[in-house]
């Protein structure tokens, strides 16, 4: 496995090219397309026998198509005798379905972990899982990176006046606390509940002081933008001077773009784990995750520590 090879599916080739530019290697040659009957065809166009192969594909829209395409790619590399296959999944879909919270429902995040392993993945490299315990669904090594430092450094350079970091719900509190430490800012928490299986939430309370402050909301992903809109409106109603929002994964489905454009949010800062199709009202700033992924790939390939990337320097 002395030669590093990086390949990409069709979901986010721009990110894959940026990763290989960071690594100083060409993007691997592979043919991927759909026949007229919607069956996916994959052919690897170079020798990968005994090579250290990394395959990049976020599970973004169209989610099920991109997952199936990725599984077929993994099988192709396994049958081509790749030395080691690392599935690089910047965005892991179905992560919200990580437990049985209702009768007779699946645990799809676990199912997906089993399928990836069966298809040929020897290890997983991902970014900011919705639930960190999903790592335990795999029986192969999992390296979970975080975009928190990238987002934190961005806001640190803005020198915002009187900032407060706001966790959008109780579950994201630890990540918000880490962001608050980066910015040397206080922490507030939104108390909310999800209404059934619909993509709707209800804001119940704000724990912490936001009056007269510049609020920075943080979440792992923004989907339909309903929670974002409710949170921003609530913070403005509680006296926040300005509201910024940030997340790692810009899913931006359904009416999200319109909600961001019409929201009083000053700026929404995201990373490019998912390709951004358009920018509503110019409010969205996209930070590149490629150097982080590239460095992690380099460290995995050379046997160095990935965790050292996030160790706090004295």
C-alpha atoms as a PDB file:
ATOM      1  CA  UNK A   1       0.000   0.000   0.000  1.00  0.00           C
ATOM      2  CA  UNK A   2       2.837   2.370  -0.798  1.00  0.00           C
ATOM      3  CA  UNK A   3       0.843   4.319  -3.398  1.00  0.00           C
ATOM      4  CA  UNK A   4      -2.031   6.614  -2.457  1.00  0.00           C
ATOM      5  CA  UNK A   5      -5.052   6.776  -4.762  1.00  0.00           C
ATOM      6  CA  UNK A   6      -8.052   9.085  -4.342  1.00  0.00           C
ATOM      7  CA  UNK A   7     -11.243   8.602  -6.355  1.00  0.00           C
ATOM      8  CA  UNK A   8     -14.591  10.363  -6.440  1.00  0.00           C
ATOM      9  CA  UNK A   9     -18.172   9.512  -7.210  1.00  0.00           C
ATOM     10  CA  UNK A  10     -20.390  11.989  -9.010  1.00  0.00           C
ATOM     11  CA  UNK A  11     -21.894  13.633  -5.889  1.00  0.00           C
ATOM     12  CA  UNK A  12     -19.187  16.234  -5.201  1.00  0.00           C
ATOM     13  CA  UNK A  13     -16.251  16.047  -7.615  1.00  0.00           C
ATOM     14  CA  UNK A  14     -15.279  19.656  -6.883  1.00  0.00           C
ATOM     15  CA  UNK A  15     -14.471  18.717  -3.278  1.00  0.00           C
ATOM     16  CA  UNK A  16     -12.544  15.627  -4.381  1.00  0.00           C
ATOM     17  CA  UNK A  17     -10.442  17.697  -6.789  1.00  0.00           C
ATOM     18  CA  UNK A  18      -9.659  20.191  -4.007  1.00  0.00           C
ATOM     19  CA  UNK A  19      -8.556  17.317  -1.751  1.00  0.00           C
ATOM     20  CA  UNK A  20      -6.210  15.898  -4.383  1.00  0.00           C
ATOM     21  CA  UNK A  21      -4.810  19.377  -5.057  1.00  0.00           C
ATOM     22  CA  UNK A  22      -3.968  19.618  -1.353  1.00  0.00           C
ATOM     23  CA  UNK A  23      -2.300  16.189  -1.507  1.00  0.00           C
ATOM     24  CA  UNK A  24      -0.432  17.038  -4.718  1.00  0.00           C
ATOM     25  CA  UNK A  25      -1.703  13.972  -6.595  1.00  0.00           C
ATOM     26  CA  UNK A  26      -4.069  13.545  -9.562  1.00  0.00           C
ATOM     27  CA  UNK A  27      -7.653  12.474  -8.990  1.00  0.00           C
ATOM     28  CA  UNK A  28      -8.068   8.779  -9.813  1.00  0.00           C
ATOM     29  CA  UNK A  29      -9.547   7.878 -13.180  1.00  0.00           C
ATOM     30  CA  UNK A  30     -12.906   6.155 -12.984  1.00  0.00           C
ATOM     31  CA  UNK A  31     -15.961   5.885 -15.221  1.00  0.00           C
ATOM     32  CA  UNK A  32     -19.348   6.238 -13.495  1.00  0.00           C
ATOM     33  CA  UNK A  33     -22.675   6.666 -15.275  1.00  0.00           C
ATOM     34  CA  UNK A  34     -26.285   5.472 -15.318  1.00  0.00           C
ATOM     35  CA  UNK A  35     -27.775   3.392 -18.116  1.00  0.00           C
ATOM     36  CA  UNK A  36     -31.175   4.388 -19.522  1.00  0.00           C
ATOM     37  CA  UNK A  37     -32.761   1.870 -17.128  1.00  0.00           C
ATOM     38  CA  UNK A  38     -31.198   3.780 -14.173  1.00  0.00           C
ATOM     39  CA  UNK A  39     -28.713   0.981 -13.404  1.00  0.00           C
ATOM     40  CA  UNK A  40     -25.335   2.401 -12.399  1.00  0.00           C
ATOM     41  CA  UNK A  41     -22.142   1.325 -14.180  1.00  0.00           C
ATOM     42  CA  UNK A  42     -18.662   1.720 -12.688  1.00  0.00           C
ATOM     43  CA  UNK A  43     -15.294   0.972 -14.261  1.00  0.00           C
ATOM     44  CA  UNK A  44     -11.934   1.806 -12.677  1.00  0.00           C
ATOM     45  CA  UNK A  45      -9.607   3.077 -15.403  1.00  0.00           C
ATOM     46  CA  UNK A  46      -6.277   2.468 -13.665  1.00  0.00           C
ATOM     47  CA  UNK A  47      -4.521  -0.230 -11.655  1.00  0.00           C
ATOM     48  CA  UNK A  48      -5.437  -0.241  -7.944  1.00  0.00           C
ATOM     49  CA  UNK A  49      -4.075  -3.656  -6.960  1.00  0.00           C
ATOM     50  CA  UNK A  50      -2.522  -3.438  -3.459  1.00  0.00           C
ATOM     51  CA  UNK A  51      -2.966   0.361  -3.481  1.00  0.00           C
ATOM     52  CA  UNK A  52      -4.234   2.477  -0.568  1.00  0.00           C
ATOM     53  CA  UNK A  53      -7.545   3.699  -2.008  1.00  0.00           C
ATOM     54  CA  UNK A  54      -9.728   6.542  -0.697  1.00  0.00           C
ATOM     55  CA  UNK A  55     -13.166   7.019  -2.259  1.00  0.00           C
ATOM     56  CA  UNK A  56     -14.947  10.360  -1.657  1.00  0.00           C
ATOM     57  CA  UNK A  57     -18.733  10.678  -1.766  1.00  0.00           C
ATOM     58  CA  UNK A  58     -21.078  12.683   0.503  1.00  0.00           C
ATOM     59  CA  UNK A  59     -24.533  11.122   0.849  1.00  0.00           C
ATOM     60  CA  UNK A  60     -26.317  14.268  -0.328  1.00  0.00           C
ATOM     61  CA  UNK A  61     -29.247  14.743  -2.702  1.00  0.00           C
ATOM     62  CA  UNK A  62     -30.207  12.556  -4.495  1.00  0.00           C
ATOM     63  CA  UNK A  63     -29.351  10.602  -1.338  1.00  0.00           C
ATOM     64  CA  UNK A  64     -30.349   7.054  -2.257  1.00  0.00           C
ATOM     65  CA  UNK A  65     -28.809   7.299  -5.729  1.00  0.00           C
ATOM     66  CA  UNK A  66     -25.502   8.576  -4.347  1.00  0.00           C
ATOM     67  CA  UNK A  67     -25.402   5.852  -1.691  1.00  0.00           C
ATOM     68  CA  UNK A  68     -26.058   3.108  -4.258  1.00  0.00           C
ATOM     69  CA  UNK A  69     -23.456   4.552  -6.629  1.00  0.00           C
ATOM     70  CA  UNK A  70     -20.937   4.580  -3.773  1.00  0.00           C
ATOM     71  CA  UNK A  71     -21.660   0.966  -2.820  1.00  0.00           C
ATOM     72  CA  UNK A  72     -21.104  -0.133  -6.419  1.00  0.00           C
ATOM     73  CA  UNK A  73     -17.806   1.784  -6.473  1.00  0.00           C
ATOM     74  CA  UNK A  74     -16.659   0.094  -3.250  1.00  0.00           C
ATOM     75  CA  UNK A  75     -17.499  -3.314  -4.715  1.00  0.00           C
ATOM     76  CA  UNK A  76     -15.515  -2.478  -7.860  1.00  0.00           C
ATOM     77  CA  UNK A  77     -12.432  -1.584  -5.800  1.00  0.00           C
ATOM     78  CA  UNK A  78     -12.790  -4.698  -3.643  1.00  0.00           C
ATOM     79  CA  UNK A  79     -12.991  -6.915  -6.742  1.00  0.00           C
ATOM     80  CA  UNK A  80      -9.985  -5.066  -8.245  1.00  0.00           C
ATOM     81  CA  UNK A  81      -7.829  -6.171  -5.273  1.00  0.00           C
ATOM     82  CA  UNK A  82      -7.272  -2.767  -3.705  1.00  0.00           C
ATOM     83  CA  UNK A  83      -4.973  -3.092  -0.699  1.00  0.00           C
ATOM     84  CA  UNK A  84      -7.177  -0.995   1.606  1.00  0.00           C
ATOM     85  CA  UNK A  85     -10.393   0.887   0.860  1.00  0.00           C
ATOM     86  CA  UNK A  86     -11.288   3.938   2.946  1.00  0.00           C
ATOM     87  CA  UNK A  87     -14.810   5.264   2.455  1.00  0.00           C
ATOM     88  CA  UNK A  88     -14.596   9.051   2.760  1.00  0.00           C
ATOM     89  CA  UNK A  89     -18.141  10.186   3.558  1.00  0.00           C
ATOM     90  CA  UNK A  90     -18.081  13.924   4.361  1.00  0.00           C
ATOM     91  CA  UNK A  91     -21.840  13.857   5.023  1.00  0.00           C
ATOM     92  CA  UNK A  92     -23.416  10.686   6.444  1.00  0.00           C
ATOM     93  CA  UNK A  93     -27.130  10.612   5.604  1.00  0.00           C
ATOM     94  CA  UNK A  94     -29.728   8.771   7.711  1.00  0.00           C
ATOM     95  CA  UNK A  95     -27.733   9.709  10.819  1.00  0.00           C
ATOM     96  CA  UNK A  96     -30.874  11.000  12.536  1.00  0.00           C
ATOM     97  CA  UNK A  97     -32.293   7.457  12.447  1.00  0.00           C
ATOM     98  CA  UNK A  98     -29.796   6.213  15.028  1.00  0.00           C
ATOM     99  CA  UNK A  99     -32.208   4.587  17.519  1.00  0.00           C
ATOM    100  CA  UNK A 100     -35.706   3.165  17.896  1.00  0.00           C
ATOM    101  CA  UNK A 101     -37.567   6.167  19.251  1.00  0.00           C
ATOM    102  CA  UNK A 102     -40.938   4.816  18.069  1.00  0.00           C
ATOM    103  CA  UNK A 103     -42.404   1.300  17.777  1.00  0.00           C
ATOM    104  CA  UNK A 104     -41.699  -0.670  14.587  1.00  0.00           C
ATOM    105  CA  UNK A 105     -39.153   1.706  13.021  1.00  0.00           C
ATOM    106  CA  UNK A 106     -35.694   0.894  11.583  1.00  0.00           C
ATOM    107  CA  UNK A 107     -32.261   1.988  12.762  1.00  0.00           C
ATOM    108  CA  UNK A 108     -31.182   3.075   9.297  1.00  0.00           C
ATOM    109  CA  UNK A 109     -27.854   4.568  10.375  1.00  0.00           C
ATOM    110  CA  UNK A 110     -26.815   1.076  11.568  1.00  0.00           C
ATOM    111  CA  UNK A 111     -28.164  -0.575   8.413  1.00  0.00           C
ATOM    112  CA  UNK A 112     -26.095   1.798   6.278  1.00  0.00           C
ATOM    113  CA  UNK A 113     -22.976   1.018   8.348  1.00  0.00           C
ATOM    114  CA  UNK A 114     -23.485  -2.718   7.733  1.00  0.00           C
ATOM    115  CA  UNK A 115     -23.993  -2.211   3.995  1.00  0.00           C
ATOM    116  CA  UNK A 116     -20.864  -0.055   3.611  1.00  0.00           C
ATOM    117  CA  UNK A 117     -18.787  -2.708   5.355  1.00  0.00           C
ATOM    118  CA  UNK A 118     -20.282  -5.525   3.262  1.00  0.00           C
ATOM    119  CA  UNK A 119     -19.602  -3.562   0.063  1.00  0.00           C
ATOM    120  CA  UNK A 120     -15.875  -3.477   0.814  1.00  0.00           C
ATOM    121  CA  UNK A 121     -15.007  -0.503   3.046  1.00  0.00           C
ATOM    122  CA  UNK A 122     -12.078  -1.256   5.377  1.00  0.00           C
ATOM    123  CA  UNK A 123     -12.363   2.024   7.267  1.00  0.00           C
ATOM    124  CA  UNK A 124     -14.534   5.159   7.346  1.00  0.00           C
ATOM    125  CA  UNK A 125     -13.526   8.818   7.288  1.00  0.00           C
ATOM    126  CA  UNK A 126     -16.396  11.230   7.971  1.00  0.00           C
ATOM    127  CA  UNK A 127     -17.167  14.700   9.320  1.00  0.00           C
ATOM    128  CA  UNK A 128     -19.430  15.707  12.245  1.00  0.00           C
ATOM    129  CA  UNK A 129     -21.842  12.815  12.579  1.00  0.00           C
ATOM    130  CA  UNK A 130     -25.283  13.847  13.823  1.00  0.00           C
ATOM    131  CA  UNK A 131     -24.822  11.380  16.692  1.00  0.00           C
ATOM    132  CA  UNK A 132     -21.215  10.465  17.660  1.00  0.00           C
ATOM    133  CA  UNK A 133     -22.315   7.022  18.862  1.00  0.00           C
ATOM    134  CA  UNK A 134     -22.866   6.051  15.209  1.00  0.00           C
ATOM    135  CA  UNK A 135     -19.136   5.266  15.199  1.00  0.00           C
ATOM    136  CA  UNK A 136     -20.064   2.238  17.311  1.00  0.00           C
ATOM    137  CA  UNK A 137     -22.332   0.919  14.541  1.00  0.00           C
ATOM    138  CA  UNK A 138     -19.221  -0.016  12.545  1.00  0.00           C
ATOM    139  CA  UNK A 139     -16.971  -3.010  13.118  1.00  0.00           C
ATOM    140  CA  UNK A 140     -14.201  -1.266  11.174  1.00  0.00           C
ATOM    141  CA  UNK A 141     -12.136   1.816  12.187  1.00  0.00           C
ATOM    142  CA  UNK A 142     -13.954   5.157  11.983  1.00  0.00           C
ATOM    143  CA  UNK A 143     -12.226   8.546  11.961  1.00  0.00           C
ATOM    144  CA  UNK A 144     -14.651  11.398  12.649  1.00  0.00           C
ATOM    145  CA  UNK A 145     -13.346  14.855  11.787  1.00  0.00           C
ATOM    146  CA  UNK A 146     -15.015  18.094  12.848  1.00  0.00           C
ATOM    147  CA  UNK A 147     -15.546  21.392  11.072  1.00  0.00           C
ATOM    148  CA  UNK A 148     -15.802  23.177  14.414  1.00  0.00           C
ATOM    149  CA  UNK A 149     -12.306  24.679  14.309  1.00  0.00           C
ATOM    150  CA  UNK A 150     -12.793  25.930  10.738  1.00  0.00           C
ATOM    151  CA  UNK A 151     -16.063  27.629  11.705  1.00  0.00           C
ATOM    152  CA  UNK A 152     -14.620  28.935  14.973  1.00  0.00           C
ATOM    153  CA  UNK A 153     -11.570  30.473  13.287  1.00  0.00           C
ATOM    154  CA  UNK A 154     -13.855  32.228  10.781  1.00  0.00           C
ATOM    155  CA  UNK A 155     -15.875  33.917  13.522  1.00  0.00           C
ATOM    156  CA  UNK A 156     -12.778  34.646  15.568  1.00  0.00           C
ATOM    157  CA  UNK A 157     -11.395  36.718  12.681  1.00  0.00           C
ATOM    158  CA  UNK A 158     -14.638  38.714  12.450  1.00  0.00           C
ATOM    159  CA  UNK A 159     -14.052  40.167  15.948  1.00  0.00           C
ATOM    160  CA  UNK A 160     -17.765  40.297  16.703  1.00  0.00           C
ATOM    161  CA  UNK A 161     -18.815  42.584  19.563  1.00  0.00           C
ATOM    162  CA  UNK A 162     -20.204  40.878  22.685  1.00  0.00           C
ATOM    163  CA  UNK A 163     -20.769  37.422  21.106  1.00  0.00           C
ATOM    164  CA  UNK A 164     -22.761  34.572  22.629  1.00  0.00           C
ATOM    165  CA  UNK A 165     -22.786  31.046  21.197  1.00  0.00           C
ATOM    166  CA  UNK A 166     -26.261  29.508  21.039  1.00  0.00           C
ATOM    167  CA  UNK A 167     -26.833  25.746  20.875  1.00  0.00           C
ATOM    168  CA  UNK A 168     -29.898  25.169  18.693  1.00  0.00           C
ATOM    169  CA  UNK A 169     -31.025  22.305  20.960  1.00  0.00           C
ATOM    170  CA  UNK A 170     -29.909  20.342  24.003  1.00  0.00           C
ATOM    171  CA  UNK A 171     -28.220  17.643  21.876  1.00  0.00           C
ATOM    172  CA  UNK A 172     -25.739  20.056  20.302  1.00  0.00           C
ATOM    173  CA  UNK A 173     -24.693  21.599  23.637  1.00  0.00           C
ATOM    174  CA  UNK A 174     -21.235  19.991  23.825  1.00  0.00           C
ATOM    175  CA  UNK A 175     -20.308  21.216  20.342  1.00  0.00           C
ATOM    176  CA  UNK A 176     -21.626  24.676  21.175  1.00  0.00           C
ATOM    177  CA  UNK A 177     -19.602  24.708  24.393  1.00  0.00           C
ATOM    178  CA  UNK A 178     -16.461  23.904  22.402  1.00  0.00           C
ATOM    179  CA  UNK A 179     -17.258  26.750  19.985  1.00  0.00           C
ATOM    180  CA  UNK A 180     -17.790  29.095  22.933  1.00  0.00           C
ATOM    181  CA  UNK A 181     -14.346  28.125  24.249  1.00  0.00           C
ATOM    182  CA  UNK A 182     -12.759  28.921  20.868  1.00  0.00           C
ATOM    183  CA  UNK A 183     -14.408  32.359  20.831  1.00  0.00           C
ATOM    184  CA  UNK A 184     -14.047  32.961  24.588  1.00  0.00           C
ATOM    185  CA  UNK A 185     -17.786  33.675  24.662  1.00  0.00           C
ATOM    186  CA  UNK A 186     -20.681  32.662  26.937  1.00  0.00           C
ATOM    187  CA  UNK A 187     -23.126  29.887  26.041  1.00  0.00           C
ATOM    188  CA  UNK A 188     -26.909  29.899  25.623  1.00  0.00           C
ATOM    189  CA  UNK A 189     -29.176  26.967  24.767  1.00  0.00           C
ATOM    190  CA  UNK A 190     -32.430  26.812  22.795  1.00  0.00           C
ATOM    191  CA  UNK A 191     -34.964  24.435  24.264  1.00  0.00           C
ATOM    192  CA  UNK A 192     -37.148  22.993  21.519  1.00  0.00           C
ATOM    193  CA  UNK A 193     -39.039  19.879  20.568  1.00  0.00           C
ATOM    194  CA  UNK A 194     -39.654  18.147  17.248  1.00  0.00           C
ATOM    195  CA  UNK A 195     -43.277  17.764  16.214  1.00  0.00           C
ATOM    196  CA  UNK A 196     -43.841  14.152  15.153  1.00  0.00           C
ATOM    197  CA  UNK A 197     -42.085  12.896  12.012  1.00  0.00           C
ATOM    198  CA  UNK A 198     -42.578  16.171  10.143  1.00  0.00           C
ATOM    199  CA  UNK A 199     -39.634  18.508   9.638  1.00  0.00           C
ATOM    200  CA  UNK A 200     -41.091  20.986  12.142  1.00  0.00           C
ATOM    201  CA  UNK A 201     -39.867  22.106  15.542  1.00  0.00           C
ATOM    202  CA  UNK A 202     -41.294  24.233  18.327  1.00  0.00           C
ATOM    203  CA  UNK A 203     -39.070  26.594  20.323  1.00  0.00           C
ATOM    204  CA  UNK A 204     -39.963  26.498  24.023  1.00  0.00           C
ATOM    205  CA  UNK A 205     -37.361  28.603  25.817  1.00  0.00           C
ATOM    206  CA  UNK A 206     -33.939  30.266  25.696  1.00  0.00           C
ATOM    207  CA  UNK A 207     -31.580  29.268  28.485  1.00  0.00           C
ATOM    208  CA  UNK A 208     -28.980  31.998  28.939  1.00  0.00           C
ATOM    209  CA  UNK A 209     -28.585  35.721  28.291  1.00  0.00           C
ATOM    210  CA  UNK A 210     -28.808  36.989  24.691  1.00  0.00           C
ATOM    211  CA  UNK A 211     -30.197  40.519  25.151  1.00  0.00           C
ATOM    212  CA  UNK A 212     -27.945  43.107  23.478  1.00  0.00           C
ATOM    213  CA  UNK A 213     -25.492  40.436  22.306  1.00  0.00           C
ATOM    214  CA  UNK A 214     -24.354  39.136  18.925  1.00  0.00           C
ATOM    215  CA  UNK A 215     -25.704  35.588  18.784  1.00  0.00           C
ATOM    216  CA  UNK A 216     -23.984  32.779  16.866  1.00  0.00           C
ATOM    217  CA  UNK A 217     -26.172  29.693  16.516  1.00  0.00           C
ATOM    218  CA  UNK A 218     -24.481  26.365  15.878  1.00  0.00           C
ATOM    219  CA  UNK A 219     -25.792  23.036  14.604  1.00  0.00           C
ATOM    220  CA  UNK A 220     -24.350  20.023  12.789  1.00  0.00           C
ATOM    221  CA  UNK A 221     -26.650  20.543   9.774  1.00  0.00           C
ATOM    222  CA  UNK A 222     -29.320  22.834   8.381  1.00  0.00           C
ATOM    223  CA  UNK A 223     -32.031  20.929   6.516  1.00  0.00           C
ATOM    224  CA  UNK A 224     -35.318  22.692   5.700  1.00  0.00           C
ATOM    225  CA  UNK A 225     -34.361  25.824   7.612  1.00  0.00           C
ATOM    226  CA  UNK A 226     -37.485  25.719   9.810  1.00  0.00           C
ATOM    227  CA  UNK A 227     -35.525  25.305  13.028  1.00  0.00           C
ATOM    228  CA  UNK A 228     -33.066  27.998  11.894  1.00  0.00           C
ATOM    229  CA  UNK A 229     -35.887  30.448  11.166  1.00  0.00           C
ATOM    230  CA  UNK A 230     -37.605  29.800  14.496  1.00  0.00           C
ATOM    231  CA  UNK A 231     -34.330  30.116  16.417  1.00  0.00           C
ATOM    232  CA  UNK A 232     -33.305  33.384  14.751  1.00  0.00           C
ATOM    233  CA  UNK A 233     -36.745  34.927  15.242  1.00  0.00           C
ATOM    234  CA  UNK A 234     -36.778  33.895  18.898  1.00  0.00           C
ATOM    235  CA  UNK A 235     -33.309  35.334  19.529  1.00  0.00           C
ATOM    236  CA  UNK A 236     -34.238  38.634  17.864  1.00  0.00           C
ATOM    237  CA  UNK A 237     -37.391  38.681  19.964  1.00  0.00           C
ATOM    238  CA  UNK A 238     -35.273  38.187  23.081  1.00  0.00           C
ATOM    239  CA  UNK A 239     -33.172  41.236  22.228  1.00  0.00           C
ATOM    240  CA  UNK A 240     -30.207  39.821  20.298  1.00  0.00           C
ATOM    241  CA  UNK A 241     -28.525  42.658  18.381  1.00  0.00           C
ATOM    242  CA  UNK A 242     -27.463  40.463  15.430  1.00  0.00           C
ATOM    243  CA  UNK A 243     -27.749  36.742  14.702  1.00  0.00           C
ATOM    244  CA  UNK A 244     -25.246  34.636  12.764  1.00  0.00           C
ATOM    245  CA  UNK A 245     -25.740  30.920  12.130  1.00  0.00           C
ATOM    246  CA  UNK A 246     -23.268  28.177  11.306  1.00  0.00           C
ATOM    247  CA  UNK A 247     -23.266  24.452  10.641  1.00  0.00           C
ATOM    248  CA  UNK A 248     -21.035  21.836   9.051  1.00  0.00           C
ATOM    249  CA  UNK A 249     -23.530  20.347   6.592  1.00  0.00           C
ATOM    250  CA  UNK A 250     -25.632  22.591   4.340  1.00  0.00           C
ATOM    251  CA  UNK A 251     -28.381  20.119   3.381  1.00  0.00           C
ATOM    252  CA  UNK A 252     -30.686  23.034   2.413  1.00  0.00           C
ATOM    253  CA  UNK A 253     -33.702  20.979   1.311  1.00  0.00           C
ATOM    254  CA  UNK A 254     -37.256  22.069   0.518  1.00  0.00           C
ATOM    255  CA  UNK A 255     -37.988  25.723   1.347  1.00  0.00           C
ATOM    256  CA  UNK A 256     -34.656  26.289   3.129  1.00  0.00           C
ATOM    257  CA  UNK A 257     -33.264  28.778   0.611  1.00  0.00           C
ATOM    258  CA  UNK A 258     -36.380  30.967   0.768  1.00  0.00           C
ATOM    259  CA  UNK A 259     -36.400  30.825   4.569  1.00  0.00           C
ATOM    260  CA  UNK A 260     -32.773  31.965   4.788  1.00  0.00           C
ATOM    261  CA  UNK A 261     -33.365  34.771   2.289  1.00  0.00           C
ATOM    262  CA  UNK A 262     -36.361  36.098   4.245  1.00  0.00           C
ATOM    263  CA  UNK A 263     -34.871  35.535   7.710  1.00  0.00           C
ATOM    264  CA  UNK A 264     -33.291  38.339   9.774  1.00  0.00           C
ATOM    265  CA  UNK A 265     -30.158  36.167  10.092  1.00  0.00           C
ATOM    266  CA  UNK A 266     -27.092  38.239   9.182  1.00  0.00           C
ATOM    267  CA  UNK A 267     -24.991  35.421   7.723  1.00  0.00           C
ATOM    268  CA  UNK A 268     -25.096  31.615   7.496  1.00  0.00           C
ATOM    269  CA  UNK A 269     -21.640  30.021   7.543  1.00  0.00           C
ATOM    270  CA  UNK A 270     -21.254  26.421   6.325  1.00  0.00           C
ATOM    271  CA  UNK A 271     -18.579  24.075   5.027  1.00  0.00           C
ATOM    272  CA  UNK A 272     -18.564  22.410   1.615  1.00  0.00           C
ATOM    273  CA  UNK A 273     -19.172  18.818   2.749  1.00  0.00           C
ATOM    274  CA  UNK A 274     -22.247  19.125   0.502  1.00  0.00           C
ATOM    275  CA  UNK A 275     -22.228  21.074  -2.789  1.00  0.00           C
ATOM    276  CA  UNK A 276     -24.168  24.346  -2.555  1.00  0.00           C
ATOM    277  CA  UNK A 277     -26.417  24.803  -5.575  1.00  0.00           C
ATOM    278  CA  UNK A 278     -27.262  28.479  -5.030  1.00  0.00           C
ATOM    279  CA  UNK A 279     -26.814  31.220  -2.462  1.00  0.00           C
ATOM    280  CA  UNK A 280     -30.044  32.763  -1.181  1.00  0.00           C
ATOM    281  CA  UNK A 281     -29.660  36.523  -0.967  1.00  0.00           C
ATOM    282  CA  UNK A 282     -25.870  36.157  -0.784  1.00  0.00           C
ATOM    283  CA  UNK A 283     -26.220  35.346   2.918  1.00  0.00           C
ATOM    284  CA  UNK A 284     -24.342  32.031   2.843  1.00  0.00           C
ATOM    285  CA  UNK A 285     -20.545  31.832   3.263  1.00  0.00           C
ATOM    286  CA  UNK A 286     -18.931  28.504   2.360  1.00  0.00           C
ATOM    287  CA  UNK A 287     -15.663  27.382   3.977  1.00  0.00           C
ATOM    288  CA  UNK A 288     -13.596  24.591   2.437  1.00  0.00           C
ATOM    289  CA  UNK A 289     -13.254  21.316   4.309  1.00  0.00           C
ATOM    290  CA  UNK A 290     -10.787  20.028   1.653  1.00  0.00           C
ATOM    291  CA  UNK A 291      -7.519  20.831   3.524  1.00  0.00           C
ATOM    292  CA  UNK A 292      -8.836  19.032   6.620  1.00  0.00           C
ATOM    293  CA  UNK A 293      -9.881  15.969   4.617  1.00  0.00           C
ATOM    294  CA  UNK A 294      -6.618  16.030   2.677  1.00  0.00           C
ATOM    295  CA  UNK A 295      -4.496  16.168   5.828  1.00  0.00           C
ATOM    296  CA  UNK A 296      -6.525  13.359   7.421  1.00  0.00           C
ATOM    297  CA  UNK A 297      -6.070  11.199   4.304  1.00  0.00           C
ATOM    298  CA  UNK A 298      -2.329  11.908   4.358  1.00  0.00           C
ATOM    299  CA  UNK A 299      -2.111  10.934   8.032  1.00  0.00           C
ATOM    300  CA  UNK A 300      -4.113   7.726   7.572  1.00  0.00           C
ATOM    301  CA  UNK A 301      -1.974   6.759   4.575  1.00  0.00           C
ATOM    302  CA  UNK A 302       1.309   7.397   6.408  1.00  0.00           C
ATOM    303  CA  UNK A 303       0.209   5.909   9.736  1.00  0.00           C
ATOM    304  CA  UNK A 304       0.191   9.170  11.661  1.00  0.00           C
ATOM    305  CA  UNK A 305      -2.322  10.307  14.281  1.00  0.00           C
ATOM    306  CA  UNK A 306      -5.565  11.818  12.997  1.00  0.00           C
ATOM    307  CA  UNK A 307      -6.621  12.880  16.488  1.00  0.00           C
ATOM    308  CA  UNK A 308      -3.531  15.097  16.724  1.00  0.00           C
ATOM    309  CA  UNK A 309      -5.233  17.412  14.205  1.00  0.00           C
ATOM    310  CA  UNK A 310      -7.622  18.513  16.960  1.00  0.00           C
ATOM    311  CA  UNK A 311      -5.380  18.516  20.009  1.00  0.00           C
ATOM    312  CA  UNK A 312      -5.298  21.927  21.647  1.00  0.00           C
ATOM    313  CA  UNK A 313      -1.928  23.588  21.362  1.00  0.00           C
ATOM    314  CA  UNK A 314      -0.542  25.210  24.545  1.00  0.00           C
END
